[in-house]
Amino acid sequence: MKKVGFLVLLTIFGLGIGSAAGSEFCDGFKRGYLVGFQRGAEISYKPAVTTPVCPVQPATLNRPKSDYEHGYIIGFERGVQEGKDY
């Protein structure tokens, strides 16, 4: 029951993010997270998990070619880590 309440709060918080949620970086983060989660959990089907709130895009010197790719890489790494605990 606590998990459901947490997910509701997380969803409400996620809706308040604004325009950042629709950016190329966030689109890449979401896709990368799901693919990474599958890899970490060693599953071939789409997991029934909620994608975490997109983080603020970090400034780096060696930034990938596109914002989508940058988000994908960060999301993939996080997804792999969280998928291992699945």
N, C-alpha and C. Protein backbone atom coordinates (compact mmCIF):
# COMPACT_ATOMS: atom_id res chain seq x y z
N MET A 1 0.82 -1.18 0.00
CA MET A 1 0.00 0.00 0.00
C MET A 1 0.87 1.26 0.00
N LYS A 2 1.98 1.20 0.74
CA LYS A 2 2.88 2.35 0.78
C LYS A 2 3.48 2.61 -0.60
N LYS A 3 3.72 1.54 -1.35
CA LYS A 3 4.29 1.67 -2.68
C LYS A 3 3.35 2.43 -3.61
N VAL A 4 2.06 2.15 -3.49
CA VAL A 4 1.07 2.81 -4.33
C VAL A 4 1.03 4.30 -4.02
N GLY A 5 1.03 4.65 -2.74
CA GLY A 5 1.04 6.06 -2.34
C GLY A 5 2.27 6.77 -2.85
N PHE A 6 3.40 6.10 -2.77
CA PHE A 6 4.66 6.68 -3.26
C PHE A 6 4.59 6.93 -4.76
N LEU A 7 4.04 5.97 -5.50
CA LEU A 7 3.92 6.11 -6.94
C LEU A 7 2.97 7.25 -7.31
N VAL A 8 1.91 7.42 -6.54
CA VAL A 8 0.97 8.52 -6.80
C VAL A 8 1.68 9.86 -6.60
N LEU A 9 2.41 9.98 -5.50
CA LEU A 9 3.16 11.22 -5.23
C LEU A 9 4.21 11.47 -6.31
N LEU A 10 4.88 10.42 -6.72
CA LEU A 10 5.90 10.55 -7.75
C LEU A 10 5.28 11.01 -9.06
N THR A 11 4.12 10.48 -9.39
CA THR A 11 3.43 10.88 -10.61
C THR A 11 3.01 12.34 -10.56
N ILE A 12 2.46 12.75 -9.43
CA ILE A 12 2.05 14.15 -9.27
C ILE A 12 3.26 15.07 -9.39
N PHE A 13 4.35 14.69 -8.75
CA PHE A 13 5.58 15.48 -8.83
C PHE A 13 6.07 15.53 -10.26
N GLY A 14 6.00 14.41 -10.95
CA GLY A 14 6.46 14.34 -12.34
C GLY A 14 5.66 15.23 -13.27
N LEU A 15 4.37 15.40 -12.99
CA LEU A 15 3.54 16.26 -13.82
C LEU A 15 3.90 17.73 -13.66
N GLY A 16 4.53 18.07 -12.55
CA GLY A 16 4.90 19.46 -12.30
C GLY A 16 6.23 19.85 -12.89
N ILE A 17 6.89 18.97 -13.57
CA ILE A 17 8.22 19.26 -14.12
C ILE A 17 8.15 20.33 -15.21
N GLY A 18 7.11 20.36 -16.00
CA GLY A 18 6.97 21.40 -17.02
C GLY A 18 7.57 21.01 -18.34
N SER A 19 8.14 22.00 -19.01
CA SER A 19 8.62 21.79 -20.37
C SER A 19 9.84 20.89 -20.45
N ALA A 20 10.57 20.74 -19.36
CA ALA A 20 11.76 19.88 -19.38
C ALA A 20 11.39 18.44 -19.69
N ALA A 21 10.18 18.02 -19.31
CA ALA A 21 9.75 16.64 -19.53
C ALA A 21 9.60 16.32 -21.01
N GLY A 22 9.44 17.31 -21.87
CA GLY A 22 9.26 17.08 -23.29
C GLY A 22 10.51 17.31 -24.11
N SER A 23 11.65 17.49 -23.46
CA SER A 23 12.88 17.78 -24.19
C SER A 23 13.48 16.52 -24.80
N GLU A 24 14.36 16.71 -25.76
CA GLU A 24 15.05 15.59 -26.38
C GLU A 24 15.86 14.82 -25.35
N PHE A 25 16.47 15.53 -24.42
CA PHE A 25 17.25 14.87 -23.37
C PHE A 25 16.37 13.92 -22.57
N CYS A 26 15.18 14.39 -22.18
CA CYS A 26 14.27 13.56 -21.38
C CYS A 26 13.71 12.40 -22.18
N ASP A 27 13.44 12.62 -23.46
CA ASP A 27 12.98 11.52 -24.31
C ASP A 27 14.05 10.43 -24.37
N GLY A 28 15.30 10.83 -24.53
CA GLY A 28 16.41 9.88 -24.55
C GLY A 28 16.58 9.19 -23.22
N PHE A 29 16.42 9.94 -22.13
CA PHE A 29 16.56 9.37 -20.79
C PHE A 29 15.53 8.27 -20.56
N LYS A 30 14.27 8.54 -20.93
CA LYS A 30 13.20 7.56 -20.74
C LYS A 30 13.47 6.28 -21.52
N ARG A 31 13.84 6.44 -22.79
CA ARG A 31 14.11 5.26 -23.62
C ARG A 31 15.33 4.50 -23.10
N GLY A 32 16.38 5.22 -22.77
CA GLY A 32 17.59 4.59 -22.25
C GLY A 32 17.34 3.87 -20.95
N TYR A 33 16.52 4.46 -20.08
CA TYR A 33 16.22 3.83 -18.79
C TYR A 33 15.54 2.48 -19.00
N LEU A 34 14.53 2.44 -19.87
CA LEU A 34 13.80 1.20 -20.10
C LEU A 34 14.70 0.11 -20.69
N VAL A 35 15.52 0.49 -21.66
CA VAL A 35 16.43 -0.48 -22.28
C VAL A 35 17.47 -0.95 -21.26
N GLY A 36 18.00 -0.02 -20.48
CA GLY A 36 18.98 -0.38 -19.45
C GLY A 36 18.37 -1.25 -18.37
N PHE A 37 17.14 -0.96 -17.99
CA PHE A 37 16.46 -1.77 -16.97
C PHE A 37 16.31 -3.20 -17.45
N GLN A 38 15.92 -3.35 -18.72
CA GLN A 38 15.79 -4.69 -19.29
C GLN A 38 17.14 -5.43 -19.24
N ARG A 39 18.19 -4.72 -19.58
CA ARG A 39 19.52 -5.33 -19.57
C ARG A 39 19.92 -5.74 -18.15
N GLY A 40 19.74 -4.82 -17.19
CA GLY A 40 20.13 -5.09 -15.81
C GLY A 40 19.31 -6.21 -15.18
N ALA A 41 18.02 -6.27 -15.49
CA ALA A 41 17.15 -7.30 -14.94
C ALA A 41 17.22 -8.60 -15.73
N GLU A 42 17.93 -8.56 -16.86
CA GLU A 42 18.07 -9.71 -17.75
C GLU A 42 16.71 -10.25 -18.18
N ILE A 43 15.86 -9.32 -18.68
CA ILE A 43 14.55 -9.69 -19.20
C ILE A 43 14.44 -9.19 -20.64
N SER A 44 13.58 -9.84 -21.42
CA SER A 44 13.43 -9.44 -22.82
C SER A 44 12.12 -8.70 -23.08
N TYR A 45 11.25 -8.64 -22.09
CA TYR A 45 9.97 -7.96 -22.27
C TYR A 45 10.02 -6.57 -21.64
N LYS A 46 9.08 -5.72 -22.02
CA LYS A 46 9.02 -4.37 -21.48
C LYS A 46 8.66 -4.46 -19.99
N PRO A 47 9.48 -3.91 -19.12
CA PRO A 47 9.20 -4.02 -17.69
C PRO A 47 8.01 -3.15 -17.27
N ALA A 48 7.31 -3.60 -16.25
CA ALA A 48 6.16 -2.85 -15.72
C ALA A 48 6.67 -1.93 -14.61
N VAL A 49 7.53 -0.99 -14.97
CA VAL A 49 8.08 -0.03 -14.01
C VAL A 49 7.79 1.37 -14.51
N THR A 50 7.76 2.29 -13.57
CA THR A 50 7.57 3.69 -13.91
C THR A 50 8.94 4.31 -14.15
N THR A 51 9.09 4.99 -15.26
CA THR A 51 10.34 5.68 -15.54
C THR A 51 10.51 6.81 -14.53
N PRO A 52 11.68 6.91 -13.91
CA PRO A 52 11.88 7.99 -12.94
C PRO A 52 11.80 9.37 -13.59
N VAL A 53 11.64 10.38 -12.77
CA VAL A 53 11.59 11.75 -13.24
C VAL A 53 12.92 12.08 -13.92
N CYS A 54 12.83 12.69 -15.05
CA CYS A 54 14.02 13.06 -15.81
C CYS A 54 14.87 14.05 -15.01
N PRO A 55 16.17 13.76 -14.88
CA PRO A 55 17.04 14.69 -14.15
C PRO A 55 17.36 15.92 -15.01
N VAL A 56 17.94 16.90 -14.39
CA VAL A 56 18.42 18.07 -15.11
C VAL A 56 19.64 17.64 -15.92
N GLN A 57 19.70 18.07 -17.15
CA GLN A 57 20.81 17.68 -18.01
C GLN A 57 22.12 18.26 -17.47
N PRO A 58 23.07 17.38 -17.13
CA PRO A 58 24.33 17.88 -16.61
C PRO A 58 25.20 18.51 -17.71
N ALA A 59 25.97 19.49 -17.33
CA ALA A 59 26.91 20.11 -18.27
C ALA A 59 28.20 19.29 -18.24
N THR A 60 28.65 18.87 -19.40
CA THR A 60 29.89 18.10 -19.49
C THR A 60 30.74 18.62 -20.64
N LEU A 61 32.03 18.39 -20.54
CA LEU A 61 32.94 18.81 -21.61
C LEU A 61 32.85 17.88 -22.81
N ASN A 62 32.69 16.59 -22.57
CA ASN A 62 32.64 15.60 -23.65
C ASN A 62 31.20 15.19 -23.92
N ARG A 63 30.35 16.15 -24.20
CA ARG A 63 28.93 15.91 -24.43
C ARG A 63 28.73 15.13 -25.74
N PRO A 64 27.81 14.15 -25.73
CA PRO A 64 27.50 13.42 -26.96
C PRO A 64 26.96 14.35 -28.06
N LYS A 65 26.82 13.80 -29.27
CA LYS A 65 26.41 14.60 -30.43
C LYS A 65 25.04 15.25 -30.26
N SER A 66 24.11 14.58 -29.60
CA SER A 66 22.77 15.15 -29.46
C SER A 66 22.31 15.08 -28.00
N ASP A 67 21.32 15.90 -27.67
CA ASP A 67 20.75 15.87 -26.32
C ASP A 67 20.05 14.53 -26.07
N TYR A 68 19.41 13.97 -27.12
CA TYR A 68 18.74 12.68 -26.99
C TYR A 68 19.75 11.61 -26.58
N GLU A 69 20.88 11.58 -27.28
CA GLU A 69 21.92 10.59 -26.98
C GLU A 69 22.46 10.77 -25.56
N HIS A 70 22.64 12.01 -25.15
CA HIS A 70 23.13 12.30 -23.80
C HIS A 70 22.15 11.76 -22.76
N GLY A 71 20.85 12.02 -22.96
CA GLY A 71 19.84 11.50 -22.04
C GLY A 71 19.77 9.99 -22.06
N TYR A 72 19.91 9.40 -23.25
CA TYR A 72 19.86 7.94 -23.38
C TYR A 72 20.97 7.29 -22.57
N ILE A 73 22.16 7.81 -22.68
CA ILE A 73 23.30 7.24 -21.97
C ILE A 73 23.08 7.29 -20.45
N ILE A 74 22.65 8.45 -19.96
CA ILE A 74 22.42 8.60 -18.52
C ILE A 74 21.27 7.69 -18.06
N GLY A 75 20.19 7.65 -18.83
CA GLY A 75 19.06 6.78 -18.50
C GLY A 75 19.43 5.32 -18.54
N PHE A 76 20.21 4.92 -19.53
CA PHE A 76 20.63 3.52 -19.66
C PHE A 76 21.44 3.08 -18.45
N GLU A 77 22.40 3.90 -18.06
CA GLU A 77 23.24 3.56 -16.90
C GLU A 77 22.41 3.42 -15.63
N ARG A 78 21.48 4.34 -15.44
CA ARG A 78 20.62 4.28 -14.25
C ARG A 78 19.69 3.06 -14.31
N GLY A 79 19.16 2.78 -15.49
CA GLY A 79 18.28 1.63 -15.67
C GLY A 79 18.97 0.31 -15.39
N VAL A 80 20.20 0.18 -15.83
CA VAL A 80 20.96 -1.05 -15.59
C VAL A 80 21.13 -1.26 -14.09
N GLN A 81 21.52 -0.21 -13.37
CA GLN A 81 21.72 -0.31 -11.94
C GLN A 81 20.43 -0.70 -11.21
N GLU A 82 19.33 -0.05 -11.55
CA GLU A 82 18.06 -0.33 -10.89
C GLU A 82 17.46 -1.66 -11.34
N GLY A 83 17.77 -2.07 -12.55
CA GLY A 83 17.29 -3.36 -13.05
C GLY A 83 17.93 -4.53 -12.34
N LYS A 84 19.15 -4.37 -11.90
CA LYS A 84 19.84 -5.44 -11.16
C LYS A 84 19.15 -5.77 -9.85
N ASP A 85 18.44 -4.80 -9.29
CA ASP A 85 17.72 -5.00 -8.02
C ASP A 85 16.31 -5.52 -8.22
N TYR A 86 15.89 -5.70 -9.46
CA TYR A 86 14.53 -6.09 -9.80
C TYR A 86 14.26 -7.52 -9.42
